[in-house]
Amino acid sequence: MDMQHGAIAAKADDELFAYLDSLGIAHKTVKHEPVFTVAESVALRDEIAGGHTKNLFLKDKKDNYFLLTVEENAIVDLKTVHTVIGAASRVSFGKAEKLMEYLGVVPGSVTAFGAINDTGLNVKVIIDEELMEYDVINAHPLRNDATTSIGSKDLLRFIEATGHEPLVLKVTS
């Protein structure tokens, strides 16, 4: 059992890196103190170039789940974003139990890389189009004490390889 994530099926960061390698996707990871919020991670900016992410695990009233990956300073209007992402109703934050079940991560470690754990394709993965303007995107590698840098187009290729169809949409204000 993977004690760090508390779930048997959840992949660890080394499995993520091996998967990226198998896809021929270049990546670089920097370890650091655990960070749980965008505010806490700001101190890392000088060390790690590129677009840094903020991730929102959301659900609608019909229990459809969404992962929104946006640039760290972006503002997402939770009252209207459902009209852009195709939700059945206004959205709210998904529960930590579903986050672990579907993406294999705990709050504070939410990442687009969690798509590797969503083998049931329960979560619609949405990347904000403004984030895609960066050549390099930085995200947690399934844990919040490291940051993995990957090309923006390679991030989409990774998500596709997990069986998800990444939607690049304008979800920020």
N, C-alpha and C. Protein backbone atom coordinates (compact mmCIF):
# COMPACT_ATOMS: atom_id res chain seq x y z
N MET A 1 0.84 -1.20 0.00
CA MET A 1 0.00 0.00 0.00
C MET A 1 0.88 1.24 0.00
N ASP A 2 0.53 2.20 -0.79
CA ASP A 2 1.25 3.45 -0.89
C ASP A 2 0.85 4.32 0.31
N MET A 3 1.69 4.33 1.33
CA MET A 3 1.34 5.00 2.57
C MET A 3 1.29 6.52 2.40
N GLN A 4 2.11 7.05 1.49
CA GLN A 4 2.14 8.49 1.33
C GLN A 4 0.79 9.02 0.84
N HIS A 5 0.17 8.31 -0.07
CA HIS A 5 -1.08 8.79 -0.65
C HIS A 5 -2.30 8.10 -0.04
N GLY A 6 -2.10 7.01 0.69
CA GLY A 6 -3.21 6.35 1.36
C GLY A 6 -4.11 5.54 0.45
N ALA A 7 -3.69 5.28 -0.77
CA ALA A 7 -4.51 4.49 -1.68
C ALA A 7 -3.64 3.47 -2.39
N ILE A 8 -4.15 2.28 -2.54
CA ILE A 8 -3.38 1.21 -3.16
C ILE A 8 -3.10 1.53 -4.63
N ALA A 9 -4.08 2.05 -5.35
CA ALA A 9 -3.95 2.22 -6.79
C ALA A 9 -3.17 3.47 -7.20
N ALA A 10 -3.02 4.43 -6.30
CA ALA A 10 -2.39 5.69 -6.69
C ALA A 10 -0.92 5.49 -7.05
N LYS A 11 -0.54 6.09 -8.16
CA LYS A 11 0.85 6.01 -8.60
C LYS A 11 1.67 7.05 -7.83
N ALA A 12 2.94 6.73 -7.64
CA ALA A 12 3.86 7.64 -6.97
C ALA A 12 4.60 8.45 -8.03
N ASP A 13 5.36 9.45 -7.57
CA ASP A 13 6.05 10.32 -8.52
C ASP A 13 7.03 9.56 -9.41
N ASP A 14 7.71 8.53 -8.88
CA ASP A 14 8.66 7.79 -9.72
C ASP A 14 7.95 7.07 -10.86
N GLU A 15 6.72 6.61 -10.63
CA GLU A 15 5.94 5.98 -11.70
C GLU A 15 5.50 7.03 -12.72
N LEU A 16 5.18 8.22 -12.26
CA LEU A 16 4.85 9.32 -13.17
C LEU A 16 6.05 9.63 -14.06
N PHE A 17 7.24 9.75 -13.46
CA PHE A 17 8.43 10.08 -14.24
C PHE A 17 8.74 8.98 -15.25
N ALA A 18 8.59 7.73 -14.85
CA ALA A 18 8.81 6.61 -15.78
C ALA A 18 7.82 6.67 -16.94
N TYR A 19 6.58 7.05 -16.65
CA TYR A 19 5.56 7.16 -17.69
C TYR A 19 5.91 8.29 -18.66
N LEU A 20 6.33 9.43 -18.12
CA LEU A 20 6.75 10.54 -18.98
C LEU A 20 7.92 10.11 -19.86
N ASP A 21 8.89 9.41 -19.26
CA ASP A 21 10.03 8.90 -20.03
C ASP A 21 9.58 7.98 -21.14
N SER A 22 8.62 7.09 -20.84
CA SER A 22 8.13 6.13 -21.85
C SER A 22 7.45 6.84 -23.01
N LEU A 23 6.94 8.04 -22.77
CA LEU A 23 6.30 8.83 -23.82
C LEU A 23 7.31 9.73 -24.54
N GLY A 24 8.57 9.69 -24.08
CA GLY A 24 9.59 10.54 -24.68
C GLY A 24 9.41 12.01 -24.32
N ILE A 25 8.83 12.27 -23.17
CA ILE A 25 8.56 13.64 -22.73
C ILE A 25 9.64 14.09 -21.74
N ALA A 26 10.33 15.18 -22.11
CA ALA A 26 11.37 15.73 -21.23
C ALA A 26 10.71 16.40 -20.03
N HIS A 27 11.33 16.22 -18.87
CA HIS A 27 10.81 16.82 -17.64
C HIS A 27 11.95 17.04 -16.67
N LYS A 28 11.78 18.01 -15.79
CA LYS A 28 12.78 18.30 -14.76
C LYS A 28 12.03 18.55 -13.47
N THR A 29 12.53 17.98 -12.39
CA THR A 29 11.86 18.13 -11.10
C THR A 29 12.81 18.75 -10.08
N VAL A 30 12.29 19.72 -9.34
CA VAL A 30 13.02 20.36 -8.26
C VAL A 30 12.30 20.04 -6.96
N LYS A 31 13.04 19.51 -5.98
CA LYS A 31 12.44 19.23 -4.67
C LYS A 31 12.53 20.48 -3.80
N HIS A 32 11.55 20.65 -2.92
CA HIS A 32 11.50 21.82 -2.04
C HIS A 32 10.65 21.48 -0.82
N GLU A 33 10.53 22.43 0.08
CA GLU A 33 9.66 22.23 1.24
C GLU A 33 8.22 22.07 0.75
N PRO A 34 7.39 21.32 1.46
CA PRO A 34 5.99 21.18 1.05
C PRO A 34 5.30 22.54 0.99
N VAL A 35 4.53 22.74 -0.08
CA VAL A 35 3.73 23.95 -0.22
C VAL A 35 2.29 23.53 -0.48
N PHE A 36 1.37 24.18 0.19
CA PHE A 36 -0.04 23.80 0.11
C PHE A 36 -0.89 24.81 -0.66
N THR A 37 -0.35 26.02 -0.85
CA THR A 37 -1.12 27.05 -1.53
C THR A 37 -0.22 27.78 -2.53
N VAL A 38 -0.84 28.49 -3.44
CA VAL A 38 -0.08 29.31 -4.39
C VAL A 38 0.76 30.32 -3.62
N ALA A 39 0.20 30.93 -2.59
CA ALA A 39 0.93 31.94 -1.81
C ALA A 39 2.22 31.36 -1.23
N GLU A 40 2.15 30.14 -0.73
CA GLU A 40 3.35 29.51 -0.16
C GLU A 40 4.39 29.19 -1.22
N SER A 41 3.96 28.98 -2.44
CA SER A 41 4.89 28.55 -3.49
C SER A 41 5.59 29.71 -4.19
N VAL A 42 5.18 30.94 -3.90
CA VAL A 42 5.76 32.10 -4.59
C VAL A 42 7.27 32.19 -4.39
N ALA A 43 7.77 31.78 -3.25
CA ALA A 43 9.20 31.86 -2.97
C ALA A 43 10.03 31.02 -3.94
N LEU A 44 9.42 30.09 -4.63
CA LEU A 44 10.16 29.21 -5.55
C LEU A 44 10.33 29.82 -6.93
N ARG A 45 9.71 30.94 -7.20
CA ARG A 45 9.66 31.47 -8.56
C ARG A 45 11.03 31.76 -9.16
N ASP A 46 11.97 32.28 -8.37
CA ASP A 46 13.29 32.59 -8.92
C ASP A 46 14.00 31.34 -9.39
N GLU A 47 13.73 30.25 -8.73
CA GLU A 47 14.41 28.98 -8.99
C GLU A 47 13.81 28.22 -10.17
N ILE A 48 12.52 28.39 -10.43
CA ILE A 48 11.81 27.58 -11.42
C ILE A 48 11.09 28.51 -12.40
N ALA A 49 11.59 28.56 -13.64
CA ALA A 49 11.00 29.43 -14.67
C ALA A 49 9.78 28.78 -15.31
N GLY A 50 8.94 29.61 -15.93
CA GLY A 50 7.79 29.10 -16.67
C GLY A 50 6.48 29.43 -15.97
N GLY A 51 5.39 28.88 -16.51
CA GLY A 51 4.07 29.11 -15.95
C GLY A 51 3.81 28.18 -14.77
N HIS A 52 3.40 28.75 -13.68
CA HIS A 52 3.10 27.96 -12.48
C HIS A 52 1.59 27.80 -12.36
N THR A 53 1.17 26.66 -11.85
CA THR A 53 -0.24 26.29 -11.92
C THR A 53 -0.98 26.42 -10.59
N LYS A 54 -2.27 26.64 -10.76
CA LYS A 54 -3.24 26.53 -9.67
C LYS A 54 -4.26 25.53 -10.20
N ASN A 55 -4.68 24.60 -9.37
CA ASN A 55 -5.58 23.53 -9.81
C ASN A 55 -6.83 23.50 -8.96
N LEU A 56 -7.98 23.40 -9.62
CA LEU A 56 -9.26 23.36 -8.93
C LEU A 56 -9.96 22.05 -9.28
N PHE A 57 -10.27 21.26 -8.25
CA PHE A 57 -11.00 20.00 -8.41
C PHE A 57 -12.46 20.32 -8.11
N LEU A 58 -13.29 20.28 -9.14
CA LEU A 58 -14.67 20.74 -9.03
C LEU A 58 -15.67 19.66 -9.40
N LYS A 59 -16.91 19.85 -8.97
CA LYS A 59 -17.99 18.93 -9.33
C LYS A 59 -19.27 19.72 -9.54
N ASP A 60 -20.15 19.13 -10.36
CA ASP A 60 -21.47 19.75 -10.52
C ASP A 60 -22.49 18.93 -9.74
N LYS A 61 -23.76 19.32 -9.81
CA LYS A 61 -24.80 18.65 -9.03
C LYS A 61 -25.09 17.22 -9.51
N LYS A 62 -24.66 16.89 -10.72
CA LYS A 62 -24.86 15.53 -11.24
C LYS A 62 -23.63 14.65 -11.00
N ASP A 63 -22.74 15.11 -10.11
CA ASP A 63 -21.51 14.39 -9.78
C ASP A 63 -20.59 14.17 -10.97
N ASN A 64 -20.56 15.14 -11.89
CA ASN A 64 -19.54 15.18 -12.93
C ASN A 64 -18.36 15.94 -12.32
N TYR A 65 -17.14 15.42 -12.53
CA TYR A 65 -15.96 16.01 -11.92
C TYR A 65 -15.09 16.67 -12.98
N PHE A 66 -14.43 17.76 -12.57
CA PHE A 66 -13.61 18.57 -13.46
C PHE A 66 -12.32 18.94 -12.74
N LEU A 67 -11.21 18.92 -13.48
CA LEU A 67 -9.95 19.44 -12.98
C LEU A 67 -9.60 20.63 -13.85
N LEU A 68 -9.57 21.81 -13.24
CA LEU A 68 -9.19 23.02 -13.96
C LEU A 68 -7.76 23.35 -13.57
N THR A 69 -6.89 23.44 -14.57
CA THR A 69 -5.51 23.83 -14.36
C THR A 69 -5.32 25.19 -15.01
N VAL A 70 -5.00 26.18 -14.18
CA VAL A 70 -4.88 27.56 -14.64
C VAL A 70 -3.56 28.14 -14.15
N GLU A 71 -3.19 29.30 -14.68
CA GLU A 71 -1.99 30.00 -14.22
C GLU A 71 -2.23 30.42 -12.77
N GLU A 72 -1.19 30.37 -11.95
CA GLU A 72 -1.33 30.53 -10.50
C GLU A 72 -2.04 31.80 -10.06
N ASN A 73 -1.93 32.88 -10.81
CA ASN A 73 -2.57 34.14 -10.41
C ASN A 73 -3.92 34.37 -11.07
N ALA A 74 -4.35 33.42 -11.87
CA ALA A 74 -5.61 33.57 -12.60
C ALA A 74 -6.80 33.54 -11.64
N ILE A 75 -7.86 34.20 -12.05
CA ILE A 75 -9.10 34.22 -11.27
C ILE A 75 -10.15 33.41 -12.02
N VAL A 76 -10.73 32.44 -11.34
CA VAL A 76 -11.79 31.61 -11.91
C VAL A 76 -13.09 31.97 -11.19
N ASP A 77 -14.09 32.38 -11.93
CA ASP A 77 -15.38 32.73 -11.35
C ASP A 77 -16.21 31.45 -11.22
N LEU A 78 -16.30 30.93 -10.01
CA LEU A 78 -17.02 29.68 -9.78
C LEU A 78 -18.52 29.81 -10.03
N LYS A 79 -19.03 31.03 -10.09
CA LYS A 79 -20.46 31.22 -10.35
C LYS A 79 -20.80 31.09 -11.83
N THR A 80 -19.80 31.27 -12.70
CA THR A 80 -20.09 31.23 -14.14
C THR A 80 -19.28 30.20 -14.91
N VAL A 81 -18.22 29.66 -14.34
CA VAL A 81 -17.33 28.77 -15.10
C VAL A 81 -18.05 27.54 -15.64
N HIS A 82 -19.14 27.13 -14.99
CA HIS A 82 -19.88 25.95 -15.46
C HIS A 82 -20.36 26.11 -16.89
N THR A 83 -20.63 27.35 -17.31
CA THR A 83 -21.12 27.57 -18.67
C THR A 83 -20.02 27.35 -19.70
N VAL A 84 -18.78 27.48 -19.29
CA VAL A 84 -17.64 27.30 -20.20
C VAL A 84 -17.20 25.84 -20.26
N ILE A 85 -17.24 25.14 -19.13
CA ILE A 85 -16.67 23.79 -19.07
C ILE A 85 -17.68 22.68 -19.35
N GLY A 86 -18.93 23.05 -19.56
CA GLY A 86 -19.93 22.03 -19.89
C GLY A 86 -20.51 21.31 -18.69
N ALA A 87 -20.47 21.95 -17.54
CA ALA A 87 -21.05 21.34 -16.34
C ALA A 87 -22.57 21.42 -16.40
N ALA A 88 -23.23 20.49 -15.71
CA ALA A 88 -24.69 20.43 -15.71
C ALA A 88 -25.31 21.51 -14.82
N SER A 89 -24.51 22.10 -13.95
CA SER A 89 -24.99 23.12 -13.02
C SER A 89 -23.80 23.91 -12.54
N ARG A 90 -24.05 24.88 -11.65
CA ARG A 90 -22.92 25.56 -11.03
C ARG A 90 -22.07 24.53 -10.32
N VAL A 91 -20.80 24.85 -10.16
CA VAL A 91 -19.85 23.89 -9.60
C VAL A 91 -19.44 24.28 -8.19
N SER A 92 -18.99 23.27 -7.46
CA SER A 92 -18.42 23.47 -6.13
C SER A 92 -17.16 22.61 -6.06
N PHE A 93 -16.42 22.76 -4.99
CA PHE A 93 -15.20 21.97 -4.85
C PHE A 93 -15.55 20.52 -4.55
N GLY A 94 -14.82 19.60 -5.20
CA GLY A 94 -15.00 18.18 -4.94
C GLY A 94 -14.42 17.81 -3.58
N LYS A 95 -14.94 16.78 -2.98
CA LYS A 95 -14.48 16.32 -1.66
C LYS A 95 -13.11 15.65 -1.76
N ALA A 96 -12.35 15.72 -0.67
CA ALA A 96 -11.01 15.15 -0.62
C ALA A 96 -11.02 13.65 -0.93
N GLU A 97 -12.08 12.95 -0.51
CA GLU A 97 -12.16 11.50 -0.75
C GLU A 97 -12.23 11.21 -2.25
N LYS A 98 -12.99 12.01 -2.99
CA LYS A 98 -13.09 11.82 -4.44
C LYS A 98 -11.80 12.24 -5.13
N LEU A 99 -11.15 13.26 -4.60
CA LEU A 99 -9.87 13.69 -5.13
C LEU A 99 -8.86 12.55 -5.05
N MET A 100 -8.81 11.89 -3.91
CA MET A 100 -7.91 10.75 -3.74
C MET A 100 -8.35 9.58 -4.62
N GLU A 101 -9.64 9.29 -4.64
CA GLU A 101 -10.15 8.16 -5.42
C GLU A 101 -9.85 8.32 -6.91
N TYR A 102 -10.08 9.50 -7.43
CA TYR A 102 -9.95 9.71 -8.87
C TYR A 102 -8.55 10.13 -9.31
N LEU A 103 -7.92 11.06 -8.59
CA LEU A 103 -6.62 11.59 -9.03
C LEU A 103 -5.45 11.10 -8.20
N GLY A 104 -5.73 10.41 -7.09
CA GLY A 104 -4.65 9.83 -6.29
C GLY A 104 -3.82 10.85 -5.55
N VAL A 105 -4.41 12.01 -5.26
CA VAL A 105 -3.68 13.05 -4.53
C VAL A 105 -4.54 13.60 -3.41
N VAL A 106 -3.87 14.29 -2.49
CA VAL A 106 -4.56 14.93 -1.36
C VAL A 106 -4.65 16.43 -1.64
N PRO A 107 -5.56 17.14 -0.96
CA PRO A 107 -5.60 18.60 -1.12
C PRO A 107 -4.22 19.20 -0.86
N GLY A 108 -3.85 20.17 -1.67
CA GLY A 108 -2.51 20.76 -1.59
C GLY A 108 -1.55 20.15 -2.59
N SER A 109 -1.92 19.01 -3.16
CA SER A 109 -1.08 18.34 -4.16
C SER A 109 -1.81 18.17 -5.49
N VAL A 110 -2.92 18.84 -5.67
CA VAL A 110 -3.73 18.68 -6.88
C VAL A 110 -2.91 19.12 -8.09
N THR A 111 -3.00 18.33 -9.16
CA THR A 111 -2.15 18.54 -10.33
C THR A 111 -2.75 17.87 -11.56
N ALA A 112 -2.45 18.43 -12.72
CA ALA A 112 -2.88 17.78 -13.97
C ALA A 112 -2.23 16.41 -14.11
N PHE A 113 -1.09 16.21 -13.47
CA PHE A 113 -0.44 14.89 -13.52
C PHE A 113 -1.29 13.82 -12.86
N GLY A 114 -2.26 14.22 -12.04
CA GLY A 114 -3.17 13.26 -11.42
C GLY A 114 -3.99 12.48 -12.43
N ALA A 115 -4.04 12.94 -13.67
CA ALA A 115 -4.77 12.22 -14.73
C ALA A 115 -4.24 10.79 -14.88
N ILE A 116 -2.98 10.57 -14.52
CA ILE A 116 -2.39 9.23 -14.62
C ILE A 116 -3.13 8.24 -13.72
N ASN A 117 -3.72 8.73 -12.64
CA ASN A 117 -4.43 7.86 -11.69
C ASN A 117 -5.92 7.71 -12.02
N ASP A 118 -6.44 8.54 -12.91
CA ASP A 118 -7.87 8.50 -13.23
C ASP A 118 -8.12 7.51 -14.37
N THR A 119 -7.89 6.25 -14.09
CA THR A 119 -8.03 5.22 -15.13
C THR A 119 -9.47 5.01 -15.54
N GLY A 120 -10.42 5.40 -14.69
CA GLY A 120 -11.84 5.30 -15.02
C GLY A 120 -12.35 6.48 -15.81
N LEU A 121 -11.47 7.44 -16.09
CA LEU A 121 -11.82 8.65 -16.85
C LEU A 121 -13.03 9.36 -16.24
N ASN A 122 -12.99 9.51 -14.92
CA ASN A 122 -14.07 10.15 -14.17
C ASN A 122 -13.99 11.67 -14.15
N VAL A 123 -12.82 12.21 -14.51
CA VAL A 123 -12.58 13.64 -14.39
C VAL A 123 -12.31 14.24 -15.77
N LYS A 124 -13.00 15.33 -16.07
CA LYS A 124 -12.74 16.07 -17.32
C LYS A 124 -11.60 17.03 -17.01
N VAL A 125 -10.52 16.96 -17.80
CA VAL A 125 -9.33 17.78 -17.57
C VAL A 125 -9.38 19.01 -18.48
N ILE A 126 -9.31 20.17 -17.86
CA ILE A 126 -9.41 21.43 -18.59
C ILE A 126 -8.20 22.30 -18.25
N ILE A 127 -7.51 22.74 -19.30
CA ILE A 127 -6.36 23.62 -19.15
C ILE A 127 -6.76 25.00 -19.66
N ASP A 128 -6.48 26.03 -18.87
CA ASP A 128 -6.82 27.38 -19.31
C ASP A 128 -5.92 27.79 -20.47
N GLU A 129 -6.51 28.40 -21.47
CA GLU A 129 -5.75 28.76 -22.67
C GLU A 129 -4.63 29.75 -22.37
N GLU A 130 -4.79 30.60 -21.36
CA GLU A 130 -3.71 31.54 -21.02
C GLU A 130 -2.50 30.81 -20.47
N LEU A 131 -2.70 29.73 -19.75
CA LEU A 131 -1.58 28.94 -19.25
C LEU A 131 -0.80 28.33 -20.41
N MET A 132 -1.50 27.96 -21.47
CA MET A 132 -0.86 27.33 -22.62
C MET A 132 0.04 28.29 -23.40
N GLU A 133 0.00 29.58 -23.07
CA GLU A 133 0.89 30.54 -23.72
C GLU A 133 2.33 30.39 -23.25
N TYR A 134 2.53 29.72 -22.11
CA TYR A 134 3.88 29.46 -21.61
C TYR A 134 4.48 28.28 -22.37
N ASP A 135 5.79 28.35 -22.63
CA ASP A 135 6.48 27.21 -23.25
C ASP A 135 6.63 26.08 -22.24
N VAL A 136 6.85 26.45 -20.98
CA VAL A 136 7.06 25.48 -19.91
C VAL A 136 6.00 25.69 -18.84
N ILE A 137 5.42 24.57 -18.39
CA ILE A 137 4.42 24.60 -17.32
C ILE A 137 4.96 23.81 -16.14
N ASN A 138 4.74 24.34 -14.94
CA ASN A 138 5.23 23.71 -13.71
C ASN A 138 4.06 23.24 -12.86
N ALA A 139 4.16 22.00 -12.39
CA ALA A 139 3.08 21.42 -11.58
C ALA A 139 3.67 20.44 -10.57
N HIS A 140 2.91 20.16 -9.53
CA HIS A 140 3.33 19.15 -8.56
C HIS A 140 3.31 17.77 -9.20
N PRO A 141 4.33 16.97 -8.93
CA PRO A 141 4.37 15.59 -9.46
C PRO A 141 3.67 14.61 -8.50
N LEU A 142 2.38 14.84 -8.24
CA LEU A 142 1.55 14.00 -7.36
C LEU A 142 1.88 14.19 -5.88
N ARG A 143 2.72 15.16 -5.56
CA ARG A 143 3.11 15.47 -4.19
C ARG A 143 3.48 16.94 -4.14
N ASN A 144 3.37 17.55 -2.98
CA ASN A 144 3.56 19.00 -2.92
C ASN A 144 4.93 19.44 -2.40
N ASP A 145 5.89 18.51 -2.37
CA ASP A 145 7.24 18.89 -1.95
C ASP A 145 8.20 18.84 -3.14
N ALA A 146 7.65 19.00 -4.33
CA ALA A 146 8.46 19.04 -5.55
C ALA A 146 7.64 19.73 -6.63
N THR A 147 8.34 20.24 -7.63
CA THR A 147 7.71 20.85 -8.80
C THR A 147 8.34 20.26 -10.04
N THR A 148 7.50 19.81 -10.96
CA THR A 148 7.98 19.23 -12.22
C THR A 148 7.68 20.19 -13.36
N SER A 149 8.71 20.46 -14.16
CA SER A 149 8.58 21.33 -15.32
C SER A 149 8.47 20.47 -16.57
N ILE A 150 7.54 20.85 -17.46
CA ILE A 150 7.27 20.08 -18.67
C ILE A 150 6.82 21.07 -19.75
N GLY A 151 7.11 20.77 -21.01
CA GLY A 151 6.64 21.62 -22.09
C GLY A 151 5.12 21.66 -22.13
N SER A 152 4.55 22.82 -22.48
CA SER A 152 3.09 22.94 -22.46
C SER A 152 2.43 21.95 -23.43
N LYS A 153 2.99 21.79 -24.61
CA LYS A 153 2.42 20.83 -25.57
C LYS A 153 2.60 19.40 -25.06
N ASP A 154 3.71 19.15 -24.36
CA ASP A 154 3.94 17.82 -23.78
C ASP A 154 2.95 17.52 -22.67
N LEU A 155 2.51 18.54 -21.94
CA LEU A 155 1.50 18.32 -20.91
C LEU A 155 0.21 17.82 -21.57
N LEU A 156 -0.17 18.44 -22.67
CA LEU A 156 -1.37 17.97 -23.39
C LEU A 156 -1.18 16.55 -23.89
N ARG A 157 0.02 16.26 -24.40
CA ARG A 157 0.30 14.90 -24.90
C ARG A 157 0.22 13.87 -23.77
N PHE A 158 0.74 14.23 -22.61
CA PHE A 158 0.65 13.35 -21.44
C PHE A 158 -0.81 13.08 -21.08
N ILE A 159 -1.61 14.15 -21.00
CA ILE A 159 -3.02 13.99 -20.63
C ILE A 159 -3.73 13.09 -21.64
N GLU A 160 -3.47 13.30 -22.92
CA GLU A 160 -4.07 12.45 -23.96
C GLU A 160 -3.65 10.99 -23.79
N ALA A 161 -2.38 10.77 -23.44
CA ALA A 161 -1.87 9.41 -23.28
C ALA A 161 -2.56 8.68 -22.12
N THR A 162 -3.12 9.44 -21.16
CA THR A 162 -3.83 8.80 -20.04
C THR A 162 -5.26 8.43 -20.43
N GLY A 163 -5.65 8.78 -21.66
CA GLY A 163 -7.00 8.46 -22.12
C GLY A 163 -7.97 9.62 -22.01
N HIS A 164 -7.52 10.73 -21.43
CA HIS A 164 -8.36 11.92 -21.29
C HIS A 164 -8.23 12.79 -22.54
N GLU A 165 -9.24 13.56 -22.81
CA GLU A 165 -9.18 14.56 -23.87
C GLU A 165 -9.03 15.91 -23.19
N PRO A 166 -7.79 16.47 -23.18
CA PRO A 166 -7.62 17.76 -22.51
C PRO A 166 -8.34 18.85 -23.29
N LEU A 167 -9.14 19.61 -22.59
CA LEU A 167 -9.84 20.73 -23.21
C LEU A 167 -9.09 22.01 -22.87
N VAL A 168 -8.69 22.75 -23.88
CA VAL A 168 -8.04 24.04 -23.66
C VAL A 168 -9.11 25.10 -23.87
N LEU A 169 -9.52 25.72 -22.77
CA LEU A 169 -10.62 26.68 -22.78
C LEU A 169 -10.24 27.94 -22.02
N LYS A 170 -10.91 29.03 -22.31
CA LYS A 170 -10.73 30.27 -21.55
C LYS A 170 -11.63 30.20 -20.32
N VAL A 171 -11.06 29.80 -19.19
CA VAL A 171 -11.85 29.63 -17.97
C VAL A 171 -11.57 30.70 -16.92
N THR A 172 -10.67 31.62 -17.25
CA THR A 172 -10.31 32.65 -16.28
C THR A 172 -10.88 33.99 -16.68
N SER A 173 -11.00 34.87 -15.67
CA SER A 173 -11.55 36.22 -15.91
C SER A 173 -10.47 37.12 -16.48
